[in-house]
PDB file of N, CA and C in Angstrom:
ATOM      1  N   MET A   1       5.379 -42.265   8.937  1.00  0.00           N
ATOM      2  CA  MET A   1       4.867 -43.435   8.247  1.00  0.00           C
ATOM      3  C   MET A   1       3.915 -42.980   7.150  1.00  0.00           C
ATOM      4  N   VAL A   2       4.018 -43.601   5.984  1.00  0.00           N
ATOM      5  CA  VAL A   2       3.192 -43.253   4.839  1.00  0.00           C
ATOM      6  C   VAL A   2       1.987 -44.177   4.802  1.00  0.00           C
ATOM      7  N   SER A   3       0.803 -43.576   4.662  1.00  0.00           N
ATOM      8  CA  SER A   3      -0.414 -44.388   4.669  1.00  0.00           C
ATOM      9  C   SER A   3      -0.629 -45.038   3.299  1.00  0.00           C
ATOM     10  N   GLY A   4      -1.527 -45.991   3.279  1.00  0.00           N
ATOM     11  CA  GLY A   4      -1.831 -46.701   2.041  1.00  0.00           C
ATOM     12  C   GLY A   4      -2.480 -45.808   1.003  1.00  0.00           C
ATOM     13  N   SER A   5      -3.252 -44.838   1.464  1.00  0.00           N
ATOM     14  CA  SER A   5      -3.914 -43.914   0.544  1.00  0.00           C
ATOM     15  C   SER A   5      -2.898 -43.072  -0.212  1.00  0.00           C
ATOM     16  N   VAL A   6      -1.871 -42.612   0.489  1.00  0.00           N
ATOM     17  CA  VAL A   6      -0.832 -41.797  -0.148  1.00  0.00           C
ATOM     18  C   VAL A   6      -0.054 -42.631  -1.160  1.00  0.00           C
ATOM     19  N   LEU A   7       0.259 -43.865  -0.804  1.00  0.00           N
ATOM     20  CA  LEU A   7       0.988 -44.735  -1.731  1.00  0.00           C
ATOM     21  C   LEU A   7       0.151 -45.087  -2.958  1.00  0.00           C
ATOM     22  N   LEU A   8      -1.151 -45.277  -2.765  1.00  0.00           N
ATOM     23  CA  LEU A   8      -2.022 -45.560  -3.895  1.00  0.00           C
ATOM     24  C   LEU A   8      -2.105 -44.364  -4.832  1.00  0.00           C
ATOM     25  N   ASN A   9      -2.228 -43.160  -4.274  1.00  0.00           N
ATOM     26  CA  ASN A   9      -2.237 -41.957  -5.105  1.00  0.00           C
ATOM     27  C   ASN A   9      -0.910 -41.787  -5.840  1.00  0.00           C
ATOM     28  N   ALA A  10       0.193 -42.085  -5.176  1.00  0.00           N
ATOM     29  CA  ALA A  10       1.501 -41.989  -5.817  1.00  0.00           C
ATOM     30  C   ALA A  10       1.624 -43.006  -6.952  1.00  0.00           C
ATOM     31  N   LEU A  11       1.144 -44.208  -6.738  1.00  0.00           N
ATOM     32  CA  LEU A  11       1.201 -45.240  -7.766  1.00  0.00           C
ATOM     33  C   LEU A  11       0.345 -44.864  -8.972  1.00  0.00           C
ATOM     34  N   ILE A  12      -0.833 -44.340  -8.723  1.00  0.00           N
ATOM     35  CA  ILE A  12      -1.709 -43.908  -9.815  1.00  0.00           C
ATOM     36  C   ILE A  12      -1.063 -42.773 -10.590  1.00  0.00           C
ATOM     37  N   THR A  13      -0.433 -41.834  -9.898  1.00  0.00           N
ATOM     38  CA  THR A  13       0.246 -40.730 -10.575  1.00  0.00           C
ATOM     39  C   THR A  13       1.375 -41.243 -11.451  1.00  0.00           C
ATOM     40  N   LEU A  14       2.178 -42.159 -10.948  1.00  0.00           N
ATOM     41  CA  LEU A  14       3.281 -42.707 -11.737  1.00  0.00           C
ATOM     42  C   LEU A  14       2.777 -43.474 -12.953  1.00  0.00           C
ATOM     43  N   VAL A  15       1.703 -44.220 -12.793  1.00  0.00           N
ATOM     44  CA  VAL A  15       1.156 -44.979 -13.915  1.00  0.00           C
ATOM     45  C   VAL A  15       0.609 -44.038 -14.986  1.00  0.00           C
ATOM     46  N   VAL A  16      -0.094 -42.997 -14.578  1.00  0.00           N
ATOM     47  CA  VAL A  16      -0.673 -42.054 -15.540  1.00  0.00           C
ATOM     48  C   VAL A  16       0.432 -41.301 -16.281  1.00  0.00           C
ATOM     49  N   VAL A  17       1.427 -40.818 -15.568  1.00  0.00           N
ATOM     50  CA  VAL A  17       2.525 -40.094 -16.222  1.00  0.00           C
ATOM     51  C   VAL A  17       3.314 -41.039 -17.126  1.00  0.00           C
ATOM     52  N   GLY A  18       3.537 -42.257 -16.688  1.00  0.00           N
ATOM     53  CA  GLY A  18       4.221 -43.238 -17.531  1.00  0.00           C
ATOM     54  C   GLY A  18       3.431 -43.561 -18.786  1.00  0.00           C
ATOM     55  N   LEU A  19       2.126 -43.666 -18.654  1.00  0.00           N
ATOM     56  CA  LEU A  19       1.279 -43.925 -19.809  1.00  0.00           C
ATOM     57  C   LEU A  19       1.303 -42.754 -20.785  1.00  0.00           C
ATOM     58  N   ILE A  20       1.290 -41.544 -20.280  1.00  0.00           N
ATOM     59  CA  ILE A  20       1.363 -40.360 -21.141  1.00  0.00           C
ATOM     60  C   ILE A  20       2.700 -40.314 -21.868  1.00  0.00           C
ATOM     61  N   CYS A  21       3.791 -40.573 -21.155  1.00  0.00           N
ATOM     62  CA  CYS A  21       5.114 -40.576 -21.798  1.00  0.00           C
ATOM     63  C   CYS A  21       5.208 -41.672 -22.845  1.00  0.00           C
ATOM     64  N   TRP A  22       4.680 -42.851 -22.554  1.00  0.00           N
ATOM     65  CA  TRP A  22       4.697 -43.926 -23.531  1.00  0.00           C
ATOM     66  C   TRP A  22       3.861 -43.572 -24.749  1.00  0.00           C
ATOM     67  N   LEU A  23       2.710 -42.933 -24.532  1.00  0.00           N
ATOM     68  CA  LEU A  23       1.849 -42.538 -25.646  1.00  0.00           C
ATOM     69  C   LEU A  23       2.531 -41.512 -26.541  1.00  0.00           C
ATOM     70  N   VAL A  24       3.228 -40.550 -25.954  1.00  0.00           N
ATOM     71  CA  VAL A  24       3.973 -39.565 -26.744  1.00  0.00           C
ATOM     72  C   VAL A  24       5.101 -40.257 -27.504  1.00  0.00           C
ATOM     73  N   TRP A  25       5.813 -41.186 -26.846  1.00  0.00           N
ATOM     74  CA  TRP A  25       6.896 -41.942 -27.493  1.00  0.00           C
ATOM     75  C   TRP A  25       6.353 -42.723 -28.690  1.00  0.00           C
ATOM     76  N   TRP A  26       5.198 -43.402 -28.492  1.00  0.00           N
ATOM     77  CA  TRP A  26       4.576 -44.157 -29.566  1.00  0.00           C
ATOM     78  C   TRP A  26       4.139 -43.229 -30.695  1.00  0.00           C
ATOM     79  N   PHE A  27       3.576 -42.078 -30.381  1.00  0.00           N
ATOM     80  CA  PHE A  27       3.106 -41.135 -31.389  1.00  0.00           C
ATOM     81  C   PHE A  27       4.256 -40.606 -32.235  1.00  0.00           C
ATOM     82  N   ILE A  28       5.399 -40.395 -31.606  1.00  0.00           N
ATOM     83  CA  ILE A  28       6.576 -39.937 -32.359  1.00  0.00           C
ATOM     84  C   ILE A  28       6.969 -40.980 -33.404  1.00  0.00           C
ATOM     85  N   SER A  29       6.941 -42.252 -33.035  1.00  0.00           N
ATOM     86  CA  SER A  29       7.293 -43.289 -34.007  1.00  0.00           C
ATOM     87  C   SER A  29       6.166 -43.505 -35.018  1.00  0.00           C
ATOM     88  N   TYR A  30       4.920 -43.303 -34.633  1.00  0.00           N
ATOM     89  CA  TYR A  30       3.785 -43.498 -35.529  1.00  0.00           C
ATOM     90  C   TYR A  30       3.739 -42.431 -36.618  1.00  0.00           C
ATOM     91  N   VAL A  31       4.033 -41.190 -36.247  1.00  0.00           N
ATOM     92  CA  VAL A  31       3.997 -40.088 -37.201  1.00  0.00           C
ATOM     93  C   VAL A  31       5.111 -40.256 -38.226  1.00  0.00           C
ATOM     94  N   GLY A  32       6.225 -40.792 -37.822  1.00  0.00           N
ATOM     95  CA  GLY A  32       7.325 -41.025 -38.742  1.00  0.00           C
ATOM     96  C   GLY A  32       8.141 -39.769 -39.023  1.00  0.00           C
ATOM     97  N   LEU A  33       8.529 -39.094 -37.968  1.00  0.00           N
ATOM     98  CA  LEU A  33       9.386 -37.923 -38.141  1.00  0.00           C
ATOM     99  C   LEU A  33      10.720 -38.336 -38.753  1.00  0.00           C
ATOM    100  N   PRO A  34      11.366 -37.435 -39.474  1.00  0.00           N
ATOM    101  CA  PRO A  34      12.720 -37.750 -39.969  1.00  0.00           C
ATOM    102  C   PRO A  34      13.650 -38.025 -38.783  1.00  0.00           C
ATOM    103  N   GLU A  35      14.658 -38.820 -39.020  1.00  0.00           N
ATOM    104  CA  GLU A  35      15.482 -39.367 -37.932  1.00  0.00           C
ATOM    105  C   GLU A  35      16.098 -38.339 -36.992  1.00  0.00           C
ATOM    106  N   PRO A  36      16.701 -37.254 -37.418  1.00  0.00           N
ATOM    107  CA  PRO A  36      17.277 -36.381 -36.386  1.00  0.00           C
ATOM    108  C   PRO A  36      16.202 -35.788 -35.473  1.00  0.00           C
ATOM    109  N   PHE A  37      15.041 -35.437 -36.035  1.00  0.00           N
ATOM    110  CA  PHE A  37      13.979 -34.838 -35.235  1.00  0.00           C
ATOM    111  C   PHE A  37      13.332 -35.860 -34.313  1.00  0.00           C
ATOM    112  N   ALA A  38      13.177 -37.089 -34.791  1.00  0.00           N
ATOM    113  CA  ALA A  38      12.587 -38.136 -33.965  1.00  0.00           C
ATOM    114  C   ALA A  38      13.482 -38.451 -32.770  1.00  0.00           C
ATOM    115  N   LYS A  39      14.787 -38.494 -33.006  1.00  0.00           N
ATOM    116  CA  LYS A  39      15.711 -38.795 -31.899  1.00  0.00           C
ATOM    117  C   LYS A  39      15.699 -37.681 -30.866  1.00  0.00           C
ATOM    118  N   VAL A  40      15.675 -36.424 -31.326  1.00  0.00           N
ATOM    119  CA  VAL A  40      15.619 -35.290 -30.398  1.00  0.00           C
ATOM    120  C   VAL A  40      14.319 -35.327 -29.602  1.00  0.00           C
ATOM    121  N   ALA A  41      13.208 -35.635 -30.268  1.00  0.00           N
ATOM    122  CA  ALA A  41      11.918 -35.693 -29.577  1.00  0.00           C
ATOM    123  C   ALA A  41      11.911 -36.815 -28.536  1.00  0.00           C
ATOM    124  N   ARG A  42      12.482 -37.968 -28.879  1.00  0.00           N
ATOM    125  CA  ARG A  42      12.541 -39.077 -27.921  1.00  0.00           C
ATOM    126  C   ARG A  42      13.416 -38.735 -26.721  1.00  0.00           C
ATOM    127  N   VAL A  43      14.523 -38.057 -26.970  1.00  0.00           N
ATOM    128  CA  VAL A  43      15.403 -37.649 -25.865  1.00  0.00           C
ATOM    129  C   VAL A  43      14.677 -36.659 -24.963  1.00  0.00           C
ATOM    130  N   LEU A  44      13.929 -35.724 -25.543  1.00  0.00           N
ATOM    131  CA  LEU A  44      13.181 -34.764 -24.732  1.00  0.00           C
ATOM    132  C   LEU A  44      12.107 -35.453 -23.887  1.00  0.00           C
ATOM    133  N   VAL A  45      11.409 -36.422 -24.470  1.00  0.00           N
ATOM    134  CA  VAL A  45      10.399 -37.167 -23.709  1.00  0.00           C
ATOM    135  C   VAL A  45      11.062 -37.925 -22.570  1.00  0.00           C
ATOM    136  N   ALA A  46      12.198 -38.556 -22.843  1.00  0.00           N
ATOM    137  CA  ALA A  46      12.911 -39.299 -21.798  1.00  0.00           C
ATOM    138  C   ALA A  46      13.401 -38.360 -20.694  1.00  0.00           C
ATOM    139  N   LEU A  47      13.896 -37.183 -21.057  1.00  0.00           N
ATOM    140  CA  LEU A  47      14.354 -36.230 -20.039  1.00  0.00           C
ATOM    141  C   LEU A  47      13.211 -35.734 -19.180  1.00  0.00           C
ATOM    142  N   VAL A  48      12.086 -35.435 -19.798  1.00  0.00           N
ATOM    143  CA  VAL A  48      10.922 -34.976 -19.022  1.00  0.00           C
ATOM    144  C   VAL A  48      10.469 -36.073 -18.062  1.00  0.00           C
ATOM    145  N   ALA A  49      10.423 -37.321 -18.547  1.00  0.00           N
ATOM    146  CA  ALA A  49      10.023 -38.433 -17.680  1.00  0.00           C
ATOM    147  C   ALA A  49      11.015 -38.627 -16.536  1.00  0.00           C
ATOM    148  N   LEU A  50      12.299 -38.523 -16.834  1.00  0.00           N
ATOM    149  CA  LEU A  50      13.322 -38.694 -15.798  1.00  0.00           C
ATOM    150  C   LEU A  50      13.265 -37.579 -14.763  1.00  0.00           C
ATOM    151  N   ILE A  51      13.119 -36.346 -15.216  1.00  0.00           N
ATOM    152  CA  ILE A  51      13.018 -35.218 -14.276  1.00  0.00           C
ATOM    153  C   ILE A  51      11.773 -35.358 -13.412  1.00  0.00           C
ATOM    154  N   PHE A  52      10.654 -35.779 -14.018  1.00  0.00           N
ATOM    155  CA  PHE A  52       9.441 -35.980 -13.224  1.00  0.00           C
ATOM    156  C   PHE A  52       9.643 -37.065 -12.183  1.00  0.00           C
ATOM    157  N   LEU A  53      10.279 -38.176 -12.573  1.00  0.00           N
ATOM    158  CA  LEU A  53      10.503 -39.279 -11.637  1.00  0.00           C
ATOM    159  C   LEU A  53      11.421 -38.866 -10.496  1.00  0.00           C
ATOM    160  N   ILE A  54      12.509 -38.167 -10.818  1.00  0.00           N
ATOM    161  CA  ILE A  54      13.425 -37.702  -9.771  1.00  0.00           C
ATOM    162  C   ILE A  54      12.721 -36.724  -8.840  1.00  0.00           C
ATOM    163  N   ASN A  55      11.954 -35.800  -9.415  1.00  0.00           N
ATOM    164  CA  ASN A  55      11.222 -34.838  -8.595  1.00  0.00           C
ATOM    165  C   ASN A  55      10.193 -35.544  -7.721  1.00  0.00           C
ATOM    166  N   PHE A  56       9.533 -36.550  -8.274  1.00  0.00           N
ATOM    167  CA  PHE A  56       8.524 -37.307  -7.533  1.00  0.00           C
ATOM    168  C   PHE A  56       9.146 -38.034  -6.352  1.00  0.00           C
ATOM    169  N   LEU A  57      10.281 -38.680  -6.587  1.00  0.00           N
ATOM    170  CA  LEU A  57      10.936 -39.415  -5.505  1.00  0.00           C
ATOM    171  C   LEU A  57      11.534 -38.478  -4.461  1.00  0.00           C
ATOM    172  N   LEU A  58      12.080 -37.342  -4.899  1.00  0.00           N
ATOM    173  CA  LEU A  58      12.603 -36.383  -3.928  1.00  0.00           C
ATOM    174  C   LEU A  58      11.493 -35.733  -3.121  1.00  0.00           C
ATOM    175  N   GLY A  59      10.279 -35.725  -3.659  1.00  0.00           N
ATOM    176  CA  GLY A  59       9.138 -35.193  -2.915  1.00  0.00           C
ATOM    177  C   GLY A  59       8.852 -35.980  -1.657  1.00  0.00           C
ATOM    178  N   PHE A  60       9.170 -37.274  -1.669  1.00  0.00           N
ATOM    179  CA  PHE A  60       8.984 -38.082  -0.462  1.00  0.00           C
ATOM    180  C   PHE A  60       9.935 -37.669   0.649  1.00  0.00           C
ATOM    181  N   THR A  61      11.083 -37.099   0.298  1.00  0.00           N
ATOM    182  CA  THR A  61      12.022 -36.642   1.314  1.00  0.00           C
ATOM    183  C   THR A  61      11.693 -35.241   1.803  1.00  0.00           C
ATOM    184  N   GLY A  62      10.806 -34.551   1.076  1.00  0.00           N
ATOM    185  CA  GLY A  62      10.427 -33.206   1.466  1.00  0.00           C
ATOM    186  C   GLY A  62      11.196 -32.128   0.742  1.00  0.00           C
ATOM    187  N   HIS A  63      12.042 -32.498  -0.201  1.00  0.00           N
ATOM    188  CA  HIS A  63      12.857 -31.517  -0.935  1.00  0.00           C
ATOM    189  C   HIS A  63      12.770 -31.759  -2.438  1.00  0.00           C
ATOM    190  N   PRO A  64      11.605 -31.495  -3.065  1.00  0.00           N
ATOM    191  CA  PRO A  64      11.527 -31.708  -4.506  1.00  0.00           C
ATOM    192  C   PRO A  64      12.333 -30.680  -5.284  1.00  0.00           C
ATOM    193  N   LEU A  65      12.747 -31.046  -6.491  1.00  0.00           N
ATOM    194  CA  LEU A  65      13.486 -30.102  -7.336  1.00  0.00           C
ATOM    195  C   LEU A  65      12.591 -28.954  -7.782  1.00  0.00           C
ATOM    196  N   ILE A  66      11.381 -29.307  -8.205  1.00  0.00           N
ATOM    197  CA  ILE A  66      10.423 -28.325  -8.707  1.00  0.00           C
ATOM    198  C   ILE A  66       9.188 -28.387  -7.823  1.00  0.00           C
ATOM    199  N   LYS A  67       8.787 -27.256  -7.297  1.00  0.00           N
ATOM    200  CA  LYS A  67       7.571 -27.207  -6.481  1.00  0.00           C
ATOM    201  C   LYS A  67       6.430 -26.767  -7.386  1.00  0.00           C
ATOM    202  N   TRP A  68       5.472 -27.686  -7.602  1.00  0.00           N
ATOM    203  CA  TRP A  68       4.366 -27.387  -8.504  1.00  0.00           C
ATOM    204  C   TRP A  68       3.461 -26.426  -7.864  1.00  0.00           C
TER     205      TRP A  68
END
């Protein structure tokens, strides 16, 4: 059974990482990179966020992809 403290820490971690990814996404559009570079940067941010989310969820099962 997962305690409330662990779930609160997990929620805070997800919110902070999501906020960082959103801030990087916003900064890419704010700087105004040329289109091929902006699209590549957005794809990289999305991949990093997706890998983090998958690793985070697999951590609950005890088998994360990446062990920090």
